[in-house]
Amino acid sequence: MAHRDSSQHPGTVLRKRFMAPNGLDADRVAADLGVPVSRLQDVLSGQRSISADMALRLGRYFGTSPLYWMNLQSRFDLHVTGKVMAGDIEREVRPFPQRVA
């Protein structure tokens, strides 16, 4: 996965890289995935994360690994949380001292 995707919600990647180039809309993809269109729209709008269930469905549908979708979500979560929590973590976490053998 390209590093530039870490700051994009997986729904954005789904829309731009998979749906738009194939002329797919949310109604069609939701029906083919077997999920309510509202659930897919929530993912596409960034209001809902990619769950393991959704990753499995997207993987089967688009011929990708479910891990691809889970990694998109994990990278996005780390990016967002890192921006918000970086200062707190820097202040609160004491690194484990490295020991020389």
Protein backbone atom coordinates (compact mmCIF):
# COMPACT_ATOMS: atom_id res chain seq x y z
CA MET A 1 0.00 0.00 0.00
CA ALA A 2 1.28 3.45 -0.82
CA HIS A 3 2.40 5.54 2.11
CA ARG A 4 0.32 8.51 0.92
CA ASP A 5 -2.84 6.59 1.81
CA SER A 6 -2.06 6.69 5.55
CA SER A 7 -3.70 10.09 5.90
CA GLN A 8 -6.77 9.09 3.87
CA HIS A 9 -9.72 7.32 5.39
CA PRO A 10 -10.13 3.83 3.85
CA GLY A 11 -13.51 4.94 2.52
CA THR A 12 -11.77 7.58 0.42
CA VAL A 13 -9.39 4.97 -0.97
CA LEU A 14 -12.33 2.65 -1.67
CA ARG A 15 -14.18 5.37 -3.54
CA LYS A 16 -11.23 6.79 -5.50
CA ARG A 17 -9.23 3.65 -6.30
CA PHE A 18 -11.88 0.99 -6.62
CA MET A 19 -15.35 2.38 -7.15
CA ALA A 20 -14.82 5.44 -9.37
CA PRO A 21 -12.49 3.76 -11.92
CA ASN A 22 -15.02 0.93 -12.29
CA GLY A 23 -18.08 3.18 -12.50
CA LEU A 24 -19.53 1.71 -9.30
CA ASP A 25 -21.96 3.50 -7.01
CA ALA A 26 -22.75 2.80 -3.36
CA ASP A 27 -26.07 1.12 -4.11
CA ARG A 28 -24.48 -1.41 -6.46
CA VAL A 29 -21.49 -2.17 -4.24
CA ALA A 30 -23.61 -2.48 -1.08
CA ALA A 31 -25.99 -4.88 -2.83
CA ASP A 32 -23.10 -6.95 -4.18
CA LEU A 33 -21.42 -7.00 -0.75
CA GLY A 34 -24.67 -7.99 0.98
CA VAL A 35 -24.63 -5.02 3.36
CA PRO A 36 -27.04 -2.13 3.91
CA VAL A 37 -26.22 0.85 1.70
CA SER A 38 -26.16 3.06 4.81
CA ARG A 39 -23.30 0.98 6.21
CA LEU A 40 -21.25 1.41 3.05
CA GLN A 41 -22.09 5.11 2.83
CA ASP A 42 -20.84 5.54 6.40
CA VAL A 43 -17.52 3.96 5.39
CA LEU A 44 -17.31 6.08 2.25
CA SER A 45 -17.97 9.28 4.21
CA GLY A 46 -15.39 8.43 6.88
CA GLN A 47 -18.01 8.02 9.60
CA ARG A 48 -17.36 4.30 10.04
CA SER A 49 -14.19 2.24 10.17
CA ILE A 50 -13.44 -0.81 8.07
CA SER A 51 -14.39 -3.80 10.24
CA ALA A 52 -12.99 -7.29 9.82
CA ASP A 53 -16.32 -8.31 8.28
CA MET A 54 -16.20 -5.46 5.78
CA ALA A 55 -12.54 -6.22 4.99
CA LEU A 56 -13.46 -9.82 4.17
CA ARG A 57 -16.33 -8.69 1.95
CA LEU A 58 -14.27 -6.04 0.14
CA GLY A 59 -11.41 -8.48 -0.31
CA ARG A 60 -13.66 -11.05 -1.95
CA TYR A 61 -15.44 -8.46 -4.06
CA PHE A 62 -12.39 -6.67 -5.43
CA GLY A 63 -10.00 -9.63 -5.42
CA THR A 64 -7.74 -8.11 -2.79
CA SER A 65 -6.52 -9.40 0.52
CA PRO A 66 -8.74 -8.58 3.50
CA LEU A 67 -5.50 -7.57 5.18
CA TYR A 68 -5.14 -4.77 2.61
CA TRP A 69 -8.32 -3.16 3.96
CA MET A 70 -7.43 -3.76 7.61
CA ASN A 71 -3.99 -2.23 7.02
CA LEU A 72 -5.56 0.84 5.43
CA GLN A 73 -7.68 1.26 8.55
CA SER A 74 -4.79 0.66 10.96
CA ARG A 75 -2.52 3.12 9.16
CA PHE A 76 -5.27 5.74 9.11
CA ASP A 77 -6.00 5.23 12.82
CA LEU A 78 -2.31 5.51 13.73
CA HIS A 79 -1.93 8.63 11.61
CA VAL A 80 -4.92 10.39 13.15
CA THR A 81 -4.23 9.28 16.72
CA GLY A 82 -0.55 10.14 16.36
CA LYS A 83 -1.37 13.70 15.33
CA VAL A 84 -3.76 14.13 18.24
CA MET A 85 -1.83 12.30 20.95
CA ALA A 86 1.83 12.84 19.99
CA GLY A 87 2.50 15.48 22.63
CA ASP A 88 0.76 13.57 25.41
CA ILE A 89 2.58 10.36 24.57
CA GLU A 90 5.92 12.18 24.45
CA ARG A 91 5.29 13.59 27.94
CA GLU A 92 3.70 10.53 29.55
CA VAL A 93 5.64 7.54 28.23
CA ARG A 94 9.08 6.83 29.60
CA PRO A 95 11.00 4.72 27.07
CA PHE A 96 12.35 1.40 28.30
CA PRO A 97 16.07 1.77 28.95
CA GLN A 98 18.18 -0.09 26.42
CA ARG A 99 20.56 -2.59 27.96
CA VAL A 100 23.87 -3.53 26.45
CA ALA A 101 24.53 -7.26 26.53
